Amino acid sequence: MLAAQRKDHLLDLLARDGRVVAKAVADELGVSEDAIRRDLRELAEEGKLQRVYGGALPIPEPERPVRDRHGLATESKERVARAAVARIRPGATIVLDAGTTTLAMARLLPSGAGITVITPSPVVALSVAEHSDARVVMIGGELTRHSLVTGGGLAMEAIQHLAADVFFLGVTGVDPLHGLTTGELDDAVTKRALASRCTETVVLASEEKVGAAARFPVLPFEAITAIITDPLDANPIVERLAALISARE
C-alpha cells in the first residue's frame, strides 16, 4: 500500500472511530509501526489530526463559550447533576466547578442542609444563591470571558487558603486512554489547584464528555475519587471508566 493510500486509510479510521492506534493499524496493514508513525507525523504537520502517545486523535474543536454549551446534552447533564447532588452530605463544604453540569447542580441543591458552596464561577454562585439557602463563597480573580470563570494569581492565592470536602470537577473530555482534559490551559491549572484543597474529587461526565479529549490534561485518574456518568449512557467507554476506578479499590 502506498503512503498516500495509508494516509487516506488513517483519516478514514479517525473519522469512523475517533482515534487511531498506531500498532493496531500497522498489524492490520502489515507494515511497520515506524511507517504509521511517520504517516501520522506528516498528517499532523498538515493540520489533519493531533498526534498523541501511541496514535492520533482528531484536531480538538475550540472550546465553546459557556453560553453556547447550555443546549448540549441537556437531559444527560441533568441526570448527572441529580446523581451528583445525591452524594452531598448535610453540612458538607463543596466546590462547584464552572460549567453547565455544575450549573444544573446549583439549581438542585437542597435547602436546610447546612451546605457551603465554593465556586470560581459567578454564574454558578448566583444560581446557588437563587435556588438554595447554602452559604456561597466566591473565589476572586480575573474573569475569563470565554468560560466565565475566575483565574490568575489572585484566584490561586485565594484557593490556597480554602479547604473543602468534595470538588465536583467539570472537564471537556473523559477518556480511558487520554484521561481528563480541558480546552483551556489556565482552566486546567485552576482545576488542579482546587482539587488539591479538597478531600475528594468527583468528575462529572455527561454523555458528550465520555470518550472525548481536549488539548490540556487536568488530573490523572489516580487523583480522583469517582466519575459520575449518565445512567442512560450506553457508550461502552462508560464501563471501561468504571473499571479504572474500581481497580484501585
C-alpha atoms as a PDB file:
ATOM      1  CA  MET A   1       0.000   0.000   0.000  1.00  0.00           C
ATOM      2  CA  LEU A   2       1.358   3.404  -0.978  1.00  0.00           C
ATOM      3  CA  ALA A   3       1.919   6.095   1.639  1.00  0.00           C
ATOM      4  CA  ALA A   4      -0.914   8.211   0.200  1.00  0.00           C
ATOM      5  CA  GLN A   5      -3.291   5.249   0.492  1.00  0.00           C
ATOM      6  CA  ARG A   6      -2.189   4.618   4.074  1.00  0.00           C
ATOM      7  CA  LYS A   7      -2.850   8.233   4.961  1.00  0.00           C
ATOM      8  CA  ASP A   8      -6.327   8.089   3.459  1.00  0.00           C
ATOM      9  CA  HIS A   9      -6.948   4.922   5.457  1.00  0.00           C
ATOM     10  CA  LEU A  10      -5.734   6.592   8.659  1.00  0.00           C
ATOM     11  CA  LEU A  11      -8.050   9.555   8.132  1.00  0.00           C
ATOM     12  CA  ASP A  12     -10.959   7.213   7.422  1.00  0.00           C
ATOM     13  CA  LEU A  13     -10.252   5.346  10.672  1.00  0.00           C
ATOM     14  CA  LEU A  14     -10.053   8.621  12.557  1.00  0.00           C
ATOM     15  CA  ALA A  15     -13.418   9.745  11.169  1.00  0.00           C
ATOM     16  CA  ARG A  16     -15.017   6.382  11.948  1.00  0.00           C
ATOM     17  CA  ASP A  17     -13.540   5.524  15.350  1.00  0.00           C
ATOM     18  CA  GLY A  18     -12.459   8.894  16.706  1.00  0.00           C
ATOM     19  CA  ARG A  19      -8.878   7.683  17.233  1.00  0.00           C
ATOM     20  CA  VAL A  20      -6.002   5.832  15.589  1.00  0.00           C
ATOM     21  CA  VAL A  21      -3.831   3.291  17.423  1.00  0.00           C
ATOM     22  CA  ALA A  22      -0.559   3.005  15.521  1.00  0.00           C
ATOM     23  CA  LYS A  23       0.234  -0.602  16.486  1.00  0.00           C
ATOM     24  CA  ALA A  24      -3.233  -1.846  15.524  1.00  0.00           C
ATOM     25  CA  VAL A  25      -3.068  -0.162  12.112  1.00  0.00           C
ATOM     26  CA  ALA A  26       0.445  -1.443  11.487  1.00  0.00           C
ATOM     27  CA  ASP A  27      -0.698  -5.009  12.224  1.00  0.00           C
ATOM     28  CA  GLU A  28      -3.779  -4.572  10.048  1.00  0.00           C
ATOM     29  CA  LEU A  29      -1.836  -3.285   7.048  1.00  0.00           C
ATOM     30  CA  GLY A  30       1.247  -5.454   7.503  1.00  0.00           C
ATOM     31  CA  VAL A  31       3.650  -2.511   7.735  1.00  0.00           C
ATOM     32  CA  SER A  32       5.986  -1.270  10.446  1.00  0.00           C
ATOM     33  CA  GLU A  33       4.866   0.981  13.272  1.00  0.00           C
ATOM     34  CA  ASP A  34       7.580   3.403  12.185  1.00  0.00           C
ATOM     35  CA  ALA A  35       5.835   3.796   8.812  1.00  0.00           C
ATOM     36  CA  ILE A  36       2.497   4.514  10.500  1.00  0.00           C
ATOM     37  CA  ARG A  37       4.093   6.956  12.938  1.00  0.00           C
ATOM     38  CA  ARG A  38       5.731   8.746  10.008  1.00  0.00           C
ATOM     39  CA  ASP A  39       2.369   8.982   8.237  1.00  0.00           C
ATOM     40  CA  LEU A  40       0.747  10.353  11.395  1.00  0.00           C
ATOM     41  CA  ARG A  41       3.527  12.886  11.867  1.00  0.00           C
ATOM     42  CA  GLU A  42       3.103  14.158   8.315  1.00  0.00           C
ATOM     43  CA  LEU A  43      -0.685  14.321   8.668  1.00  0.00           C
ATOM     44  CA  ALA A  44      -0.244  16.260  11.908  1.00  0.00           C
ATOM     45  CA  GLU A  45       2.077  18.711  10.166  1.00  0.00           C
ATOM     46  CA  GLU A  46      -0.666  19.210   7.568  1.00  0.00           C
ATOM     47  CA  GLY A  47      -3.111  20.034  10.365  1.00  0.00           C
ATOM     48  CA  LYS A  48      -5.325  16.994   9.728  1.00  0.00           C
ATOM     49  CA  LEU A  49      -5.001  15.291  13.119  1.00  0.00           C
ATOM     50  CA  GLN A  50      -3.431  15.577  16.566  1.00  0.00           C
ATOM     51  CA  ARG A  51      -0.650  13.165  17.428  1.00  0.00           C
ATOM     52  CA  VAL A  52      -0.749  11.573  20.867  1.00  0.00           C
ATOM     53  CA  TYR A  53       1.219   8.800  22.514  1.00  0.00           C
ATOM     54  CA  GLY A  54       0.554   5.588  20.598  1.00  0.00           C
ATOM     55  CA  GLY A  55      -1.501   7.099  17.791  1.00  0.00           C
ATOM     56  CA  ALA A  56      -3.650  10.096  16.951  1.00  0.00           C
ATOM     57  CA  LEU A  57      -6.872  11.940  17.754  1.00  0.00           C
ATOM     58  CA  PRO A  58      -8.971  14.382  15.751  1.00  0.00           C
ATOM     59  CA  ILE A  59      -7.988  18.037  15.974  1.00  0.00           C
ATOM     60  CA  PRO A  60      -9.892  19.252  19.048  1.00  0.00           C
ATOM     61  CA  GLU A  61     -12.544  21.820  18.362  1.00  0.00           C
ATOM     62  CA  PRO A  62     -12.074  25.156  20.110  1.00  0.00           C
ATOM     63  CA  GLU A  63     -13.751  25.193  23.499  1.00  0.00           C
ATOM     64  CA  ARG A  64     -17.189  26.700  23.028  1.00  0.00           C
ATOM     65  CA  PRO A  65     -18.117  29.749  25.106  1.00  0.00           C
ATOM     66  CA  VAL A  66     -20.212  28.735  28.108  1.00  0.00           C
ATOM     67  CA  ARG A  67     -23.309  30.453  26.684  1.00  0.00           C
ATOM     68  CA  ASP A  68     -23.139  28.137  23.657  1.00  0.00           C
ATOM     69  CA  ARG A  69     -22.923  24.962  25.760  1.00  0.00           C
ATOM     70  CA  HIS A  70     -26.237  25.276  27.588  1.00  0.00           C
ATOM     71  CA  GLY A  71     -28.127  23.342  24.915  1.00  0.00           C
ATOM     72  CA  LEU A  72     -25.644  20.441  24.608  1.00  0.00           C
ATOM     73  CA  ALA A  73     -26.817  17.090  26.065  1.00  0.00           C
ATOM     74  CA  THR A  74     -29.126  18.957  28.432  1.00  0.00           C
ATOM     75  CA  GLU A  75     -31.031  15.901  29.672  1.00  0.00           C
ATOM     76  CA  SER A  76     -27.817  13.945  30.211  1.00  0.00           C
ATOM     77  CA  LYS A  77     -26.329  16.802  32.233  1.00  0.00           C
ATOM     78  CA  GLU A  78     -29.479  16.939  34.342  1.00  0.00           C
ATOM     79  CA  ARG A  79     -29.225  13.226  35.166  1.00  0.00           C
ATOM     80  CA  VAL A  80     -25.538  13.558  36.063  1.00  0.00           C
ATOM     81  CA  ALA A  81     -26.310  16.620  38.199  1.00  0.00           C
ATOM     82  CA  ARG A  82     -29.036  14.774  40.124  1.00  0.00           C
ATOM     83  CA  ALA A  83     -26.694  11.869  40.833  1.00  0.00           C
ATOM     84  CA  ALA A  84     -24.005  14.285  41.998  1.00  0.00           C
ATOM     85  CA  VAL A  85     -26.326  16.200  44.332  1.00  0.00           C
ATOM     86  CA  ALA A  86     -27.383  12.890  45.899  1.00  0.00           C
ATOM     87  CA  ARG A  87     -23.751  12.417  47.035  1.00  0.00           C
ATOM     88  CA  ILE A  88     -23.681  15.649  49.045  1.00  0.00           C
ATOM     89  CA  ARG A  89     -23.817  15.080  52.789  1.00  0.00           C
ATOM     90  CA  PRO A  90     -25.563  17.531  55.157  1.00  0.00           C
ATOM     91  CA  GLY A  91     -23.164  20.145  56.466  1.00  0.00           C
ATOM     92  CA  ALA A  92     -20.625  19.497  53.694  1.00  0.00           C
ATOM     93  CA  THR A  93     -18.398  22.117  52.140  1.00  0.00           C
ATOM     94  CA  ILE A  94     -18.257  21.536  48.399  1.00  0.00           C
ATOM     95  CA  VAL A  95     -16.558  23.152  45.428  1.00  0.00           C
ATOM     96  CA  LEU A  96     -18.651  23.519  42.277  1.00  0.00           C
ATOM     97  CA  ASP A  97     -16.518  23.983  39.190  1.00  0.00           C
ATOM     98  CA  ALA A  98     -17.598  26.295  36.384  1.00  0.00           C
ATOM     99  CA  GLY A  99     -19.697  24.636  33.689  1.00  0.00           C
ATOM    100  CA  THR A 100     -23.170  23.728  32.598  1.00  0.00           C
ATOM    101  CA  THR A 101     -23.425  20.496  34.617  1.00  0.00           C
ATOM    102  CA  THR A 102     -22.413  22.236  37.840  1.00  0.00           C
ATOM    103  CA  LEU A 103     -24.920  24.961  36.962  1.00  0.00           C
ATOM    104  CA  ALA A 104     -27.573  22.237  36.814  1.00  0.00           C
ATOM    105  CA  MET A 105     -26.360  21.038  40.231  1.00  0.00           C
ATOM    106  CA  ALA A 106     -26.681  24.562  41.618  1.00  0.00           C
ATOM    107  CA  ARG A 107     -30.372  24.582  40.732  1.00  0.00           C
ATOM    108  CA  LEU A 108     -30.928  21.260  42.519  1.00  0.00           C
ATOM    109  CA  LEU A 109     -29.173  21.897  45.845  1.00  0.00           C
ATOM    110  CA  PRO A 110     -31.398  21.326  48.870  1.00  0.00           C
ATOM    111  CA  SER A 111     -32.168  23.967  51.471  1.00  0.00           C
ATOM    112  CA  GLY A 112     -31.851  23.301  55.184  1.00  0.00           C
ATOM    113  CA  ALA A 113     -28.811  21.030  54.776  1.00  0.00           C
ATOM    114  CA  GLY A 114     -26.176  23.466  56.056  1.00  0.00           C
ATOM    115  CA  ILE A 115     -24.133  23.265  52.852  1.00  0.00           C
ATOM    116  CA  THR A 116     -21.320  25.654  51.945  1.00  0.00           C
ATOM    117  CA  VAL A 117     -20.561  26.102  48.248  1.00  0.00           C
ATOM    118  CA  ILE A 118     -17.230  27.427  46.976  1.00  0.00           C
ATOM    119  CA  THR A 119     -17.011  28.283  43.282  1.00  0.00           C
ATOM    120  CA  PRO A 120     -14.894  30.213  40.776  1.00  0.00           C
ATOM    121  CA  SER A 121     -17.997  30.795  38.644  1.00  0.00           C
ATOM    122  CA  PRO A 122     -20.183  33.889  39.184  1.00  0.00           C
ATOM    123  CA  VAL A 123     -22.983  32.210  37.220  1.00  0.00           C
ATOM    124  CA  VAL A 124     -22.925  29.140  39.468  1.00  0.00           C
ATOM    125  CA  ALA A 125     -22.709  31.315  42.606  1.00  0.00           C
ATOM    126  CA  LEU A 126     -25.790  33.318  41.633  1.00  0.00           C
ATOM    127  CA  SER A 127     -27.729  30.160  40.828  1.00  0.00           C
ATOM    128  CA  VAL A 128     -26.841  28.594  44.203  1.00  0.00           C
ATOM    129  CA  ALA A 129     -27.986  31.753  45.981  1.00  0.00           C
ATOM    130  CA  GLU A 130     -31.218  31.824  43.991  1.00  0.00           C
ATOM    131  CA  HIS A 131     -32.221  28.184  44.443  1.00  0.00           C
ATOM    132  CA  SER A 132     -30.999  27.238  47.935  1.00  0.00           C
ATOM    133  CA  ASP A 133     -30.014  28.632  51.311  1.00  0.00           C
ATOM    134  CA  ALA A 134     -26.434  27.340  51.002  1.00  0.00           C
ATOM    135  CA  ARG A 135     -23.609  29.602  52.091  1.00  0.00           C
ATOM    136  CA  VAL A 136     -21.752  30.831  48.991  1.00  0.00           C
ATOM    137  CA  VAL A 137     -18.031  31.609  48.851  1.00  0.00           C
ATOM    138  CA  MET A 138     -16.775  33.168  45.620  1.00  0.00           C
ATOM    139  CA  ILE A 139     -13.167  32.726  44.510  1.00  0.00           C
ATOM    140  CA  GLY A 140     -11.904  36.097  43.348  1.00  0.00           C
ATOM    141  CA  GLY A 141      -9.624  36.813  40.436  1.00  0.00           C
ATOM    142  CA  GLU A 142      -9.719  37.848  36.804  1.00  0.00           C
ATOM    143  CA  LEU A 143     -12.843  36.716  34.973  1.00  0.00           C
ATOM    144  CA  THR A 144     -12.208  34.795  31.760  1.00  0.00           C
ATOM    145  CA  ARG A 145     -14.910  35.945  29.358  1.00  0.00           C
ATOM    146  CA  HIS A 146     -14.793  32.759  27.315  1.00  0.00           C
ATOM    147  CA  SER A 147     -15.556  30.332  30.159  1.00  0.00           C
ATOM    148  CA  LEU A 148     -16.897  32.830  32.731  1.00  0.00           C
ATOM    149  CA  VAL A 149     -14.584  31.536  35.457  1.00  0.00           C
ATOM    150  CA  THR A 150     -12.144  33.402  37.690  1.00  0.00           C
ATOM    151  CA  GLY A 151      -8.454  32.575  37.491  1.00  0.00           C
ATOM    152  CA  GLY A 152      -4.988  34.039  37.592  1.00  0.00           C
ATOM    153  CA  GLY A 153      -2.765  34.922  40.516  1.00  0.00           C
ATOM    154  CA  LEU A 154      -5.491  36.285  42.800  1.00  0.00           C
ATOM    155  CA  ALA A 155      -7.579  33.151  42.367  1.00  0.00           C
ATOM    156  CA  MET A 156      -4.601  30.879  43.026  1.00  0.00           C
ATOM    157  CA  GLU A 157      -3.768  32.779  46.212  1.00  0.00           C
ATOM    158  CA  ALA A 158      -7.354  32.505  47.441  1.00  0.00           C
ATOM    159  CA  ILE A 159      -7.542  28.780  46.666  1.00  0.00           C
ATOM    160  CA  GLN A 160      -4.510  28.073  48.876  1.00  0.00           C
ATOM    161  CA  HIS A 161      -6.485  29.322  51.890  1.00  0.00           C
ATOM    162  CA  LEU A 162      -9.538  27.120  51.242  1.00  0.00           C
ATOM    163  CA  ALA A 163     -10.470  23.589  52.262  1.00  0.00           C
ATOM    164  CA  ALA A 164     -13.466  21.525  51.214  1.00  0.00           C
ATOM    165  CA  ASP A 165     -14.901  18.026  51.393  1.00  0.00           C
ATOM    166  CA  VAL A 166     -15.721  17.405  47.729  1.00  0.00           C
ATOM    167  CA  PHE A 167     -14.734  19.048  44.445  1.00  0.00           C
ATOM    168  CA  PHE A 168     -17.272  18.463  41.668  1.00  0.00           C
ATOM    169  CA  LEU A 169     -14.983  18.762  38.659  1.00  0.00           C
ATOM    170  CA  GLY A 170     -16.128  19.619  35.161  1.00  0.00           C
ATOM    171  CA  VAL A 171     -13.927  18.728  32.186  1.00  0.00           C
ATOM    172  CA  THR A 172     -14.164  18.758  28.399  1.00  0.00           C
ATOM    173  CA  GLY A 173     -13.213  15.116  27.896  1.00  0.00           C
ATOM    174  CA  VAL A 174     -13.121  11.888  29.916  1.00  0.00           C
ATOM    175  CA  ASP A 175     -11.340   9.068  28.111  1.00  0.00           C
ATOM    176  CA  PRO A 176      -9.627   5.901  29.427  1.00  0.00           C
ATOM    177  CA  LEU A 177      -6.569   6.459  27.239  1.00  0.00           C
ATOM    178  CA  HIS A 178      -6.223  10.240  27.257  1.00  0.00           C
ATOM    179  CA  GLY A 179      -7.554  10.950  30.732  1.00  0.00           C
ATOM    180  CA  LEU A 180      -9.295  14.066  31.990  1.00  0.00           C
ATOM    181  CA  THR A 181      -8.753  17.024  29.684  1.00  0.00           C
ATOM    182  CA  THR A 182      -9.927  20.562  29.062  1.00  0.00           C
ATOM    183  CA  GLY A 183      -9.544  23.088  26.267  1.00  0.00           C
ATOM    184  CA  GLU A 184      -8.035  25.994  28.237  1.00  0.00           C
ATOM    185  CA  LEU A 185      -4.607  25.875  29.879  1.00  0.00           C
ATOM    186  CA  ASP A 186      -5.459  28.359  32.651  1.00  0.00           C
ATOM    187  CA  ASP A 187      -8.632  26.431  33.492  1.00  0.00           C
ATOM    188  CA  ALA A 188      -6.603  23.226  33.836  1.00  0.00           C
ATOM    189  CA  VAL A 189      -4.265  24.936  36.309  1.00  0.00           C
ATOM    190  CA  THR A 190      -7.176  26.289  38.375  1.00  0.00           C
ATOM    191  CA  LYS A 191      -8.882  22.887  38.452  1.00  0.00           C
ATOM    192  CA  ARG A 192      -5.726  21.182  39.737  1.00  0.00           C
ATOM    193  CA  ALA A 193      -5.342  23.799  42.438  1.00  0.00           C
ATOM    194  CA  LEU A 194      -8.942  23.323  43.573  1.00  0.00           C
ATOM    195  CA  ALA A 195      -8.571  19.545  43.630  1.00  0.00           C
ATOM    196  CA  SER A 196      -5.504  19.867  45.860  1.00  0.00           C
ATOM    197  CA  ARG A 197      -7.614  21.607  48.516  1.00  0.00           C
ATOM    198  CA  CYS A 198     -10.417  19.020  48.610  1.00  0.00           C
ATOM    199  CA  THR A 199     -10.646  15.657  50.333  1.00  0.00           C
ATOM    200  CA  GLU A 200     -12.411  14.102  47.344  1.00  0.00           C
ATOM    201  CA  THR A 201     -12.632  14.965  43.645  1.00  0.00           C
ATOM    202  CA  VAL A 202     -15.672  13.746  41.706  1.00  0.00           C
ATOM    203  CA  VAL A 203     -15.723  14.099  37.911  1.00  0.00           C
ATOM    204  CA  LEU A 204     -18.957  15.000  36.128  1.00  0.00           C
ATOM    205  CA  ALA A 205     -19.209  13.213  32.765  1.00  0.00           C
ATOM    206  CA  SER A 206     -22.393  13.727  30.771  1.00  0.00           C
ATOM    207  CA  GLU A 207     -22.699  11.811  27.512  1.00  0.00           C
ATOM    208  CA  GLU A 208     -20.884  14.300  25.255  1.00  0.00           C
ATOM    209  CA  LYS A 209     -17.805  14.223  27.542  1.00  0.00           C
ATOM    210  CA  VAL A 210     -17.298  10.437  27.537  1.00  0.00           C
ATOM    211  CA  GLY A 211     -14.645   9.397  25.018  1.00  0.00           C
ATOM    212  CA  ALA A 212     -13.816  12.998  24.152  1.00  0.00           C
ATOM    213  CA  ALA A 213     -10.352  14.517  24.521  1.00  0.00           C
ATOM    214  CA  ALA A 214      -9.093  18.100  24.574  1.00  0.00           C
ATOM    215  CA  ARG A 215      -5.625  19.593  24.479  1.00  0.00           C
ATOM    216  CA  PHE A 216      -4.722  20.117  28.145  1.00  0.00           C
ATOM    217  CA  PRO A 217      -4.590  17.405  30.831  1.00  0.00           C
ATOM    218  CA  VAL A 218      -6.246  18.174  34.151  1.00  0.00           C
ATOM    219  CA  LEU A 219      -5.700  15.259  36.565  1.00  0.00           C
ATOM    220  CA  PRO A 220      -4.732  11.581  36.363  1.00  0.00           C
ATOM    221  CA  PHE A 221      -7.395   9.033  37.238  1.00  0.00           C
ATOM    222  CA  GLU A 222      -5.397   8.154  40.358  1.00  0.00           C
ATOM    223  CA  ALA A 223      -6.140  11.614  41.755  1.00  0.00           C
ATOM    224  CA  ILE A 224      -9.945  11.359  41.622  1.00  0.00           C
ATOM    225  CA  THR A 225     -12.474   9.605  43.826  1.00  0.00           C
ATOM    226  CA  ALA A 226     -15.283   8.875  41.370  1.00  0.00           C
ATOM    227  CA  ILE A 227     -16.699   9.597  37.927  1.00  0.00           C
ATOM    228  CA  ILE A 228     -20.419  10.282  37.690  1.00  0.00           C
ATOM    229  CA  THR A 229     -21.784   9.315  34.289  1.00  0.00           C
ATOM    230  CA  ASP A 230     -25.264   9.402  32.828  1.00  0.00           C
ATOM    231  CA  PRO A 231     -27.085   6.188  33.907  1.00  0.00           C
ATOM    232  CA  LEU A 232     -28.726   6.070  30.456  1.00  0.00           C
ATOM    233  CA  ASP A 233     -25.456   6.441  28.526  1.00  0.00           C
ATOM    234  CA  ALA A 234     -24.875   3.215  26.553  1.00  0.00           C
ATOM    235  CA  ASN A 235     -21.370   4.183  25.441  1.00  0.00           C
ATOM    236  CA  PRO A 236     -19.105   1.149  26.153  1.00  0.00           C
ATOM    237  CA  ILE A 237     -16.416   3.530  27.362  1.00  0.00           C
ATOM    238  CA  VAL A 238     -18.525   4.118  30.485  1.00  0.00           C
ATOM    239  CA  GLU A 239     -17.821   0.541  31.611  1.00  0.00           C
ATOM    240  CA  ARG A 240     -14.104   0.998  30.976  1.00  0.00           C
ATOM    241  CA  LEU A 241     -14.094   4.157  33.095  1.00  0.00           C
ATOM    242  CA  ALA A 242     -15.901   2.347  35.910  1.00  0.00           C
ATOM    243  CA  ALA A 243     -13.345  -0.460  35.745  1.00  0.00           C
ATOM    244  CA  LEU A 244     -10.488   2.040  36.002  1.00  0.00           C
ATOM    245  CA  ILE A 245     -11.907   3.458  39.223  1.00  0.00           C
ATOM    246  CA  SER A 246     -12.908   0.134  40.769  1.00  0.00           C
ATOM    247  CA  ALA A 247      -9.483  -1.389  40.040  1.00  0.00           C
ATOM    248  CA  ARG A 248      -7.949   0.983  42.597  1.00  0.00           C
ATOM    249  CA  GLU A 249     -10.285  -0.058  45.395  1.00  0.00           C
END
